[in-house]
């Protein structure tokens, strides 16, 4: 009678241990989100990006970790009673500055993925690390050619291999799936 009870307890302990292996704490996700927020805010102190919403992370069982936020690529003044309209030249410059920022935002997102992949050791290597950024635009802006959202994802193992030097930057760029909407 003791043997079946012992077997049941061992099975229960093994089940708990396996479940705990993929548990990702809220504080870890929150700390990584805060780190990404700092990277965005501190990107260029002279011409910062505007963080519209704090980065939120969630772990999806059997999928991986997902981080999302909203960013304005350039802090720009909106229309006011004192300045109700922008000149076409000002709007063209603003659009170009935002176009120039997209590659930098992608670099920040890639760096966030790599640091998350190496930090979140509880996430199984085959599961995904995803970073999604929604971009904010004023109604008066010309957004032609600008994404409204960028989503990047890669298996955690790929990110860890890159950080460990087992994968080149070119191989990482090929492995990361990037979608712009």
N, C-alpha and C. Protein backbone atom coordinates (compact mmCIF):
# COMPACT_ATOMS: atom_id res chain seq x y z
N UNK A 1 0.82 -1.18 0.00
CA UNK A 1 0.00 0.00 0.00
C UNK A 1 0.87 1.25 0.00
N UNK A 2 2.01 1.19 0.63
CA UNK A 2 2.90 2.35 0.66
C UNK A 2 3.51 2.59 -0.71
N UNK A 3 3.81 1.53 -1.45
CA UNK A 3 4.42 1.68 -2.77
C UNK A 3 3.53 2.48 -3.71
N UNK A 4 2.21 2.22 -3.83
CA UNK A 4 1.38 3.04 -4.72
C UNK A 4 1.32 4.50 -4.27
N UNK A 5 1.26 4.74 -2.96
CA UNK A 5 1.23 6.10 -2.46
C UNK A 5 2.54 6.82 -2.80
N UNK A 6 3.64 6.10 -2.62
CA UNK A 6 4.95 6.68 -2.94
C UNK A 6 5.04 6.99 -4.43
N UNK A 7 4.58 6.10 -5.27
CA UNK A 7 4.59 6.29 -6.72
C UNK A 7 3.73 7.51 -7.09
N UNK A 8 2.58 7.65 -6.46
CA UNK A 8 1.69 8.79 -6.73
C UNK A 8 2.36 10.09 -6.32
N UNK A 9 3.02 10.09 -5.16
CA UNK A 9 3.71 11.29 -4.72
C UNK A 9 4.87 11.66 -5.65
N UNK A 10 5.60 10.65 -6.10
CA UNK A 10 6.71 10.92 -7.03
C UNK A 10 6.18 11.47 -8.36
N UNK A 11 5.08 10.89 -8.83
CA UNK A 11 4.48 11.36 -10.07
C UNK A 11 3.99 12.81 -9.92
N UNK A 12 3.37 13.10 -8.78
CA UNK A 12 2.90 14.46 -8.52
C UNK A 12 4.07 15.43 -8.44
N UNK A 13 5.15 15.04 -7.79
CA UNK A 13 6.33 15.90 -7.68
C UNK A 13 6.95 16.14 -9.06
N UNK A 14 7.01 15.11 -9.88
CA UNK A 14 7.57 15.25 -11.22
C UNK A 14 6.70 16.18 -12.06
N UNK A 15 5.40 16.06 -11.94
CA UNK A 15 4.48 16.92 -12.68
C UNK A 15 4.65 18.37 -12.26
N UNK A 16 4.77 18.61 -10.97
CA UNK A 16 4.99 19.98 -10.49
C UNK A 16 6.32 20.52 -10.98
N UNK A 17 7.34 19.71 -10.96
CA UNK A 17 8.66 20.15 -11.41
C UNK A 17 8.64 20.51 -12.88
N UNK A 18 7.95 19.71 -13.70
CA UNK A 18 7.87 20.02 -15.12
C UNK A 18 7.07 21.30 -15.36
N UNK A 19 6.00 21.47 -14.63
CA UNK A 19 5.19 22.68 -14.76
C UNK A 19 5.96 23.91 -14.34
N UNK A 20 6.76 23.79 -13.31
CA UNK A 20 7.53 24.93 -12.82
C UNK A 20 8.62 25.32 -13.80
N UNK A 21 9.09 24.37 -14.61
CA UNK A 21 10.17 24.65 -15.54
C UNK A 21 9.76 25.68 -16.58
N UNK A 22 8.48 25.75 -16.94
CA UNK A 22 8.06 26.71 -17.95
C UNK A 22 7.32 27.89 -17.34
N UNK A 23 7.30 28.00 -16.06
CA UNK A 23 6.63 29.13 -15.42
C UNK A 23 7.54 30.35 -15.48
N UNK A 24 7.00 31.42 -16.02
CA UNK A 24 7.74 32.67 -16.11
C UNK A 24 7.05 33.66 -15.19
N UNK A 25 7.80 34.25 -14.28
CA UNK A 25 7.20 35.14 -13.30
C UNK A 25 6.84 36.49 -13.92
N UNK A 26 5.80 37.07 -13.37
CA UNK A 26 5.38 38.41 -13.80
C UNK A 26 6.50 39.42 -13.59
N UNK A 27 7.22 39.30 -12.48
CA UNK A 27 8.28 40.27 -12.20
C UNK A 27 9.39 40.21 -13.25
N UNK A 28 9.71 39.01 -13.74
CA UNK A 28 10.73 38.90 -14.79
C UNK A 28 10.25 39.60 -16.06
N UNK A 29 9.01 39.33 -16.45
CA UNK A 29 8.46 39.95 -17.65
C UNK A 29 8.39 41.46 -17.47
N UNK A 30 7.97 41.89 -16.30
CA UNK A 30 7.86 43.32 -16.01
C UNK A 30 9.23 44.00 -16.05
N UNK A 31 10.25 43.36 -15.48
CA UNK A 31 11.60 43.93 -15.51
C UNK A 31 12.14 44.04 -16.93
N UNK A 32 11.89 43.03 -17.75
CA UNK A 32 12.33 43.10 -19.14
C UNK A 32 11.59 44.21 -19.88
N UNK A 33 10.29 44.36 -19.59
CA UNK A 33 9.52 45.44 -20.20
C UNK A 33 10.06 46.81 -19.82
N UNK A 34 10.40 46.99 -18.55
CA UNK A 34 10.97 48.26 -18.09
C UNK A 34 12.31 48.52 -18.77
N UNK A 35 13.09 47.48 -18.96
CA UNK A 35 14.38 47.62 -19.63
C UNK A 35 14.18 48.10 -21.08
N UNK A 36 13.19 47.54 -21.77
CA UNK A 36 12.90 47.96 -23.14
C UNK A 36 12.43 49.42 -23.15
N UNK A 37 11.58 49.79 -22.18
CA UNK A 37 11.12 51.17 -22.08
C UNK A 37 12.31 52.13 -21.94
N UNK A 38 13.27 51.77 -21.09
CA UNK A 38 14.46 52.62 -20.91
C UNK A 38 15.25 52.74 -22.21
N UNK A 39 15.36 51.65 -22.95
CA UNK A 39 16.09 51.70 -24.22
C UNK A 39 15.42 52.65 -25.20
N UNK A 40 14.11 52.62 -25.23
CA UNK A 40 13.37 53.50 -26.14
C UNK A 40 13.53 54.96 -25.71
N UNK A 41 13.28 55.23 -24.44
CA UNK A 41 13.33 56.59 -23.92
C UNK A 41 14.75 57.17 -24.01
N UNK A 42 15.76 56.36 -23.75
CA UNK A 42 17.15 56.83 -23.76
C UNK A 42 17.83 56.70 -25.11
N UNK A 43 17.10 56.27 -26.13
CA UNK A 43 17.69 56.03 -27.45
C UNK A 43 18.48 57.24 -27.94
N UNK A 44 17.86 58.40 -27.93
CA UNK A 44 18.54 59.61 -28.38
C UNK A 44 18.02 60.76 -27.53
N UNK A 45 18.74 61.14 -26.48
CA UNK A 45 18.25 62.18 -25.57
C UNK A 45 17.94 63.51 -26.26
N UNK A 46 18.62 63.81 -27.37
CA UNK A 46 18.38 65.07 -28.07
C UNK A 46 17.10 65.03 -28.90
N UNK A 47 16.76 63.86 -29.42
CA UNK A 47 15.55 63.68 -30.22
C UNK A 47 14.91 62.35 -29.84
N UNK A 48 14.33 62.28 -28.65
CA UNK A 48 13.85 60.98 -28.15
C UNK A 48 12.61 60.48 -28.87
N UNK A 49 12.41 59.19 -28.76
CA UNK A 49 11.15 58.59 -29.16
C UNK A 49 10.19 58.77 -28.00
N UNK A 50 8.92 58.79 -28.31
CA UNK A 50 7.90 59.00 -27.28
C UNK A 50 7.25 57.67 -26.95
N UNK A 51 7.45 57.21 -25.73
CA UNK A 51 6.85 55.97 -25.27
C UNK A 51 5.40 56.28 -24.88
N UNK A 52 4.45 55.75 -25.63
CA UNK A 52 3.04 56.05 -25.40
C UNK A 52 2.47 55.16 -24.29
N UNK A 53 2.88 53.91 -24.28
CA UNK A 53 2.41 52.99 -23.25
C UNK A 53 3.55 52.12 -22.78
N UNK A 54 3.56 51.79 -21.51
CA UNK A 54 4.61 50.94 -20.98
C UNK A 54 4.57 49.57 -21.65
N UNK A 55 5.73 48.97 -21.82
CA UNK A 55 5.83 47.65 -22.40
C UNK A 55 5.22 46.63 -21.44
N UNK A 56 4.41 45.75 -21.99
CA UNK A 56 3.78 44.68 -21.22
C UNK A 56 4.25 43.35 -21.78
N UNK A 57 4.57 42.45 -20.87
CA UNK A 57 4.97 41.12 -21.27
C UNK A 57 4.02 40.08 -20.73
N UNK A 58 3.83 39.03 -21.49
CA UNK A 58 2.98 37.92 -21.06
C UNK A 58 3.61 36.63 -21.57
N UNK A 59 3.50 35.60 -20.75
CA UNK A 59 3.98 34.29 -21.18
C UNK A 59 2.77 33.46 -21.59
N UNK A 60 2.79 32.93 -22.81
CA UNK A 60 1.73 32.08 -23.32
C UNK A 60 2.21 30.63 -23.31
N UNK A 61 1.57 29.82 -22.51
CA UNK A 61 1.94 28.41 -22.37
C UNK A 61 2.03 27.75 -23.75
N UNK A 62 3.07 26.99 -23.97
CA UNK A 62 3.32 26.27 -25.22
C UNK A 62 3.59 27.18 -26.42
N UNK A 63 3.78 28.48 -26.19
CA UNK A 63 4.11 29.38 -27.29
C UNK A 63 5.38 30.17 -26.98
N UNK A 64 5.37 30.95 -25.88
CA UNK A 64 6.54 31.73 -25.53
C UNK A 64 6.18 33.04 -24.88
N UNK A 65 7.12 33.98 -24.90
CA UNK A 65 6.94 35.29 -24.26
C UNK A 65 6.66 36.34 -25.33
N UNK A 66 5.68 37.19 -25.03
CA UNK A 66 5.26 38.23 -25.96
C UNK A 66 5.31 39.58 -25.24
N UNK A 67 5.94 40.56 -25.87
CA UNK A 67 6.05 41.91 -25.32
C UNK A 67 5.43 42.88 -26.32
N UNK A 68 4.62 43.82 -25.81
CA UNK A 68 4.01 44.82 -26.69
C UNK A 68 4.12 46.21 -26.07
N UNK A 69 4.17 47.21 -26.94
CA UNK A 69 4.17 48.61 -26.50
C UNK A 69 3.71 49.49 -27.64
N UNK A 70 3.58 50.78 -27.37
CA UNK A 70 3.23 51.76 -28.40
C UNK A 70 4.21 52.91 -28.33
N UNK A 71 4.67 53.35 -29.50
CA UNK A 71 5.73 54.36 -29.58
C UNK A 71 5.39 55.37 -30.67
N UNK A 72 5.74 56.62 -30.41
CA UNK A 72 5.77 57.65 -31.44
C UNK A 72 7.24 57.83 -31.77
N UNK A 73 7.62 57.62 -33.01
CA UNK A 73 9.03 57.63 -33.40
C UNK A 73 9.72 58.97 -33.16
N UNK A 74 8.97 60.06 -33.23
CA UNK A 74 9.50 61.40 -33.01
C UNK A 74 8.51 62.15 -32.13
N UNK A 75 8.99 62.76 -31.08
CA UNK A 75 8.12 63.60 -30.27
C UNK A 75 7.86 64.86 -31.09
N UNK A 76 6.61 65.07 -31.41
CA UNK A 76 6.26 66.24 -32.20
C UNK A 76 5.04 66.91 -31.59
N UNK A 77 5.02 68.22 -31.69
CA UNK A 77 3.89 68.96 -31.14
C UNK A 77 2.66 68.74 -32.01
N UNK A 78 1.53 68.63 -31.38
CA UNK A 78 0.28 68.53 -32.11
C UNK A 78 -0.21 69.91 -32.49
N UNK A 79 -1.29 69.95 -33.23
CA UNK A 79 -1.90 71.22 -33.59
C UNK A 79 -2.48 71.86 -32.33
N UNK A 80 -2.32 73.16 -32.21
CA UNK A 80 -2.85 73.91 -31.07
C UNK A 80 -3.54 75.16 -31.59
N UNK A 81 -4.26 75.87 -30.75
CA UNK A 81 -4.86 77.13 -31.21
C UNK A 81 -3.81 78.14 -31.67
N UNK A 82 -2.61 78.04 -31.12
CA UNK A 82 -1.54 78.96 -31.51
C UNK A 82 -0.82 78.50 -32.78
N UNK A 83 -0.96 77.23 -33.08
CA UNK A 83 -0.35 76.67 -34.29
C UNK A 83 -1.31 75.60 -34.84
N UNK A 84 -2.35 76.06 -35.51
CA UNK A 84 -3.39 75.12 -35.93
C UNK A 84 -3.01 74.24 -37.12
N UNK A 85 -1.96 74.62 -37.84
CA UNK A 85 -1.64 73.89 -39.07
C UNK A 85 -0.13 73.88 -39.30
N UNK A 86 0.34 72.76 -39.86
CA UNK A 86 1.75 72.64 -40.20
C UNK A 86 1.92 72.89 -41.69
N UNK A 87 3.07 73.40 -42.06
CA UNK A 87 3.34 73.62 -43.48
C UNK A 87 3.62 72.28 -44.15
N UNK A 88 3.41 72.18 -45.45
CA UNK A 88 3.73 70.93 -46.15
C UNK A 88 5.20 70.53 -45.97
N UNK A 89 6.09 71.51 -45.91
CA UNK A 89 7.52 71.21 -45.72
C UNK A 89 7.77 70.60 -44.34
N UNK A 90 7.12 71.13 -43.33
CA UNK A 90 7.26 70.58 -41.97
C UNK A 90 6.75 69.14 -41.91
N UNK A 91 5.64 68.88 -42.55
CA UNK A 91 5.08 67.53 -42.56
C UNK A 91 5.96 66.56 -43.34
N UNK A 92 6.57 67.04 -44.41
CA UNK A 92 7.49 66.20 -45.19
C UNK A 92 8.72 65.86 -44.36
N UNK A 93 9.26 66.85 -43.64
CA UNK A 93 10.44 66.60 -42.77
C UNK A 93 10.10 65.62 -41.65
N UNK A 94 8.92 65.81 -41.04
CA UNK A 94 8.50 64.90 -39.96
C UNK A 94 8.39 63.48 -40.48
N UNK A 95 7.77 63.30 -41.64
CA UNK A 95 7.62 61.96 -42.22
C UNK A 95 8.99 61.34 -42.50
N UNK A 96 9.90 62.11 -43.06
CA UNK A 96 11.24 61.58 -43.36
C UNK A 96 11.99 61.21 -42.09
N UNK A 97 11.87 62.03 -41.07
CA UNK A 97 12.53 61.71 -39.80
C UNK A 97 11.99 60.41 -39.22
N UNK A 98 10.69 60.20 -39.35
CA UNK A 98 10.11 58.96 -38.85
C UNK A 98 10.56 57.77 -39.69
N UNK A 99 10.61 57.94 -41.01
CA UNK A 99 11.12 56.87 -41.87
C UNK A 99 12.55 56.49 -41.48
N UNK A 100 13.36 57.51 -41.17
CA UNK A 100 14.75 57.27 -40.77
C UNK A 100 14.84 56.54 -39.44
N UNK A 101 13.84 56.67 -38.59
CA UNK A 101 13.84 56.04 -37.27
C UNK A 101 13.42 54.57 -37.29
N UNK A 102 12.70 54.14 -38.29
CA UNK A 102 12.20 52.77 -38.31
C UNK A 102 13.33 51.74 -38.16
N UNK A 103 14.44 51.86 -38.92
CA UNK A 103 15.53 50.88 -38.74
C UNK A 103 16.10 50.88 -37.31
N UNK A 104 16.16 52.05 -36.69
CA UNK A 104 16.67 52.12 -35.31
C UNK A 104 15.71 51.44 -34.34
N UNK A 105 14.42 51.63 -34.55
CA UNK A 105 13.43 50.96 -33.70
C UNK A 105 13.56 49.44 -33.87
N UNK A 106 13.75 48.99 -35.09
CA UNK A 106 13.93 47.55 -35.33
C UNK A 106 15.17 47.03 -34.63
N UNK A 107 16.24 47.81 -34.61
CA UNK A 107 17.45 47.39 -33.89
C UNK A 107 17.17 47.28 -32.40
N UNK A 108 16.46 48.25 -31.84
CA UNK A 108 16.09 48.19 -30.42
C UNK A 108 15.22 46.97 -30.14
N UNK A 109 14.31 46.67 -31.04
CA UNK A 109 13.44 45.50 -30.86
C UNK A 109 14.25 44.20 -30.91
N UNK A 110 15.19 44.12 -31.84
CA UNK A 110 16.04 42.94 -31.94
C UNK A 110 16.86 42.76 -30.67
N UNK A 111 17.43 43.86 -30.18
CA UNK A 111 18.21 43.79 -28.94
C UNK A 111 17.33 43.34 -27.77
N UNK A 112 16.08 43.80 -27.73
CA UNK A 112 15.14 43.39 -26.69
C UNK A 112 14.88 41.89 -26.78
N UNK A 113 14.73 41.40 -28.00
CA UNK A 113 14.50 39.96 -28.19
C UNK A 113 15.69 39.15 -27.68
N UNK A 114 16.89 39.58 -28.02
CA UNK A 114 18.08 38.84 -27.60
C UNK A 114 18.21 38.84 -26.08
N UNK A 115 18.04 40.01 -25.46
CA UNK A 115 18.17 40.05 -24.00
C UNK A 115 17.06 39.25 -23.32
N UNK A 116 15.86 39.27 -23.88
CA UNK A 116 14.77 38.46 -23.32
C UNK A 116 15.04 36.97 -23.49
N UNK A 117 15.54 36.61 -24.66
CA UNK A 117 15.84 35.20 -24.91
C UNK A 117 16.88 34.64 -23.97
N UNK A 118 17.88 35.46 -23.64
CA UNK A 118 18.92 34.97 -22.74
C UNK A 118 18.49 35.05 -21.28
N UNK A 119 17.60 35.98 -20.95
CA UNK A 119 17.15 36.13 -19.55
C UNK A 119 16.08 35.13 -19.15
N UNK A 120 15.19 34.81 -20.06
CA UNK A 120 14.05 33.96 -19.74
C UNK A 120 14.41 32.48 -19.89
N UNK A 121 15.24 32.01 -19.01
CA UNK A 121 15.74 30.64 -19.08
C UNK A 121 14.64 29.59 -18.89
N UNK A 122 13.52 29.97 -18.28
CA UNK A 122 12.43 29.03 -18.06
C UNK A 122 11.66 28.74 -19.35
N UNK A 123 11.76 29.65 -20.32
CA UNK A 123 11.07 29.44 -21.58
C UNK A 123 11.83 28.37 -22.37
N UNK A 124 11.16 27.31 -22.77
CA UNK A 124 11.85 26.27 -23.55
C UNK A 124 12.48 26.84 -24.82
N UNK A 125 13.61 26.28 -25.24
CA UNK A 125 14.36 26.84 -26.37
C UNK A 125 13.57 26.90 -27.68
N UNK A 126 12.64 25.99 -27.89
CA UNK A 126 11.89 25.98 -29.14
C UNK A 126 10.73 26.97 -29.15
N UNK A 127 10.41 27.55 -27.99
CA UNK A 127 9.32 28.52 -27.94
C UNK A 127 9.79 29.90 -28.40
N UNK A 128 8.84 30.75 -28.68
CA UNK A 128 9.10 32.04 -29.31
C UNK A 128 9.31 33.18 -28.31
N UNK A 129 10.12 34.13 -28.73
CA UNK A 129 10.21 35.43 -28.08
C UNK A 129 9.68 36.42 -29.13
N UNK A 130 8.68 37.20 -28.74
CA UNK A 130 8.01 38.12 -29.68
C UNK A 130 8.03 39.52 -29.09
N UNK A 131 8.35 40.49 -29.94
CA UNK A 131 8.25 41.90 -29.57
C UNK A 131 7.40 42.59 -30.63
N UNK A 132 6.32 43.22 -30.18
CA UNK A 132 5.43 43.95 -31.09
C UNK A 132 5.34 45.40 -30.67
N UNK A 133 5.51 46.30 -31.63
CA UNK A 133 5.42 47.73 -31.36
C UNK A 133 4.37 48.33 -32.30
N UNK A 134 3.37 48.97 -31.69
CA UNK A 134 2.40 49.75 -32.47
C UNK A 134 2.92 51.17 -32.52
N UNK A 135 2.79 51.79 -33.69
CA UNK A 135 3.32 53.13 -33.89
C UNK A 135 2.18 54.15 -33.89
N UNK A 136 2.41 55.25 -33.18
CA UNK A 136 1.42 56.31 -33.05
C UNK A 136 1.69 57.38 -34.10
N UNK A 137 0.63 57.85 -34.72
CA UNK A 137 0.71 58.96 -35.67
C UNK A 137 -0.43 59.93 -35.40
N UNK A 138 -0.16 61.22 -35.58
CA UNK A 138 -1.22 62.22 -35.53
C UNK A 138 -2.04 62.13 -36.81
N UNK A 139 -3.29 62.54 -36.75
CA UNK A 139 -4.19 62.46 -37.91
C UNK A 139 -3.68 63.26 -39.10
N UNK A 140 -2.92 64.31 -38.86
CA UNK A 140 -2.45 65.18 -39.95
C UNK A 140 -1.19 64.64 -40.63
N UNK A 141 -0.60 63.58 -40.12
CA UNK A 141 0.65 63.07 -40.68
C UNK A 141 0.42 62.25 -41.94
N UNK A 142 1.40 62.31 -42.85
CA UNK A 142 1.41 61.46 -44.04
C UNK A 142 2.13 60.18 -43.65
N UNK A 143 1.39 59.08 -43.55
CA UNK A 143 1.98 57.82 -43.08
C UNK A 143 2.29 56.85 -44.22
N UNK A 144 2.22 57.33 -45.45
CA UNK A 144 2.53 56.46 -46.58
C UNK A 144 3.95 55.91 -46.45
N UNK A 145 4.06 54.59 -46.52
CA UNK A 145 5.37 53.94 -46.40
C UNK A 145 5.82 53.70 -44.97
N UNK A 146 5.05 54.17 -44.00
CA UNK A 146 5.38 53.96 -42.59
C UNK A 146 4.51 52.84 -42.03
N UNK A 147 5.10 51.95 -41.25
CA UNK A 147 4.30 50.88 -40.65
C UNK A 147 3.44 51.40 -39.50
N UNK A 148 2.31 50.76 -39.29
CA UNK A 148 1.51 51.09 -38.11
C UNK A 148 1.85 50.12 -36.98
N UNK A 149 2.46 49.00 -37.34
CA UNK A 149 2.87 48.02 -36.33
C UNK A 149 4.02 47.19 -36.88
N UNK A 150 4.96 46.87 -36.00
CA UNK A 150 6.08 46.00 -36.35
C UNK A 150 6.08 44.86 -35.34
N UNK A 151 6.13 43.63 -35.84
CA UNK A 151 6.17 42.46 -34.97
C UNK A 151 7.38 41.62 -35.37
N UNK A 152 8.21 41.29 -34.38
CA UNK A 152 9.38 40.44 -34.60
C UNK A 152 9.28 39.23 -33.70
N UNK A 153 9.68 38.07 -34.25
CA UNK A 153 9.69 36.87 -33.43
C UNK A 153 10.77 35.91 -33.89
N UNK A 154 11.24 35.13 -32.93
CA UNK A 154 12.25 34.11 -33.20
C UNK A 154 12.21 33.09 -32.07
N UNK A 155 12.64 31.87 -32.36
CA UNK A 155 12.76 30.89 -31.27
C UNK A 155 13.81 31.35 -30.26
N UNK A 156 13.55 31.10 -29.02
CA UNK A 156 14.47 31.49 -27.96
C UNK A 156 15.87 30.92 -28.19
N UNK A 157 15.96 29.69 -28.69
CA UNK A 157 17.26 29.05 -28.93
C UNK A 157 18.10 29.87 -29.92
N UNK A 158 17.48 30.40 -30.94
CA UNK A 158 18.19 31.21 -31.92
C UNK A 158 18.81 32.44 -31.27
N UNK A 159 18.05 33.08 -30.39
CA UNK A 159 18.53 34.28 -29.71
C UNK A 159 19.68 33.97 -28.76
N UNK A 160 19.56 32.85 -28.06
CA UNK A 160 20.62 32.41 -27.14
C UNK A 160 21.88 32.06 -27.93
N UNK A 161 21.71 31.38 -29.06
CA UNK A 161 22.87 31.02 -29.90
C UNK A 161 23.58 32.27 -30.41
N UNK A 162 22.83 33.29 -30.77
CA UNK A 162 23.45 34.54 -31.22
C UNK A 162 24.24 35.18 -30.09
N UNK A 163 23.63 35.28 -28.92
CA UNK A 163 24.30 35.90 -27.76
C UNK A 163 25.57 35.14 -27.38
N UNK A 164 25.55 33.82 -27.55
CA UNK A 164 26.71 32.99 -27.20
C UNK A 164 27.77 32.96 -28.30
N UNK A 165 27.50 33.64 -29.43
CA UNK A 165 28.47 33.67 -30.52
C UNK A 165 28.40 32.48 -31.45
N UNK A 166 27.38 31.66 -31.32
CA UNK A 166 27.24 30.49 -32.20
C UNK A 166 26.47 30.81 -33.48
N UNK A 167 26.02 32.06 -33.59
CA UNK A 167 25.24 32.47 -34.75
C UNK A 167 25.68 33.89 -35.13
N UNK A 168 25.87 34.13 -36.41
CA UNK A 168 26.29 35.46 -36.87
C UNK A 168 25.11 36.42 -36.88
N UNK A 169 25.40 37.70 -36.99
CA UNK A 169 24.35 38.72 -37.06
C UNK A 169 23.50 38.52 -38.32
N UNK A 170 24.14 38.13 -39.42
CA UNK A 170 23.40 37.88 -40.66
C UNK A 170 22.46 36.68 -40.50
N UNK A 171 22.94 35.64 -39.85
CA UNK A 171 22.10 34.46 -39.62
C UNK A 171 20.94 34.80 -38.69
N UNK A 172 21.20 35.65 -37.69
CA UNK A 172 20.13 36.08 -36.80
C UNK A 172 19.09 36.88 -37.57
N UNK A 173 19.54 37.79 -38.40
CA UNK A 173 18.61 38.62 -39.20
C UNK A 173 17.72 37.74 -40.08
N UNK A 174 18.29 36.68 -40.61
CA UNK A 174 17.51 35.75 -41.44
C UNK A 174 16.53 34.95 -40.58
N UNK A 175 16.92 34.62 -39.37
CA UNK A 175 16.07 33.78 -38.50
C UNK A 175 14.92 34.53 -37.85
N UNK A 176 15.08 35.84 -37.67
CA UNK A 176 14.01 36.63 -37.06
C UNK A 176 12.93 36.91 -38.10
N UNK A 177 11.72 36.55 -37.76
CA UNK A 177 10.59 36.83 -38.63
C UNK A 177 10.09 38.24 -38.30
N UNK A 178 10.09 39.10 -39.31
CA UNK A 178 9.65 40.49 -39.13
C UNK A 178 8.42 40.72 -40.00
N UNK A 179 7.36 41.23 -39.35
CA UNK A 179 6.15 41.58 -40.09
C UNK A 179 5.80 43.03 -39.80
N UNK A 180 5.52 43.75 -40.87
CA UNK A 180 5.08 45.14 -40.73
C UNK A 180 3.67 45.24 -41.26
N UNK A 181 2.87 45.96 -40.53
CA UNK A 181 1.47 46.15 -40.93
C UNK A 181 1.22 47.64 -41.12
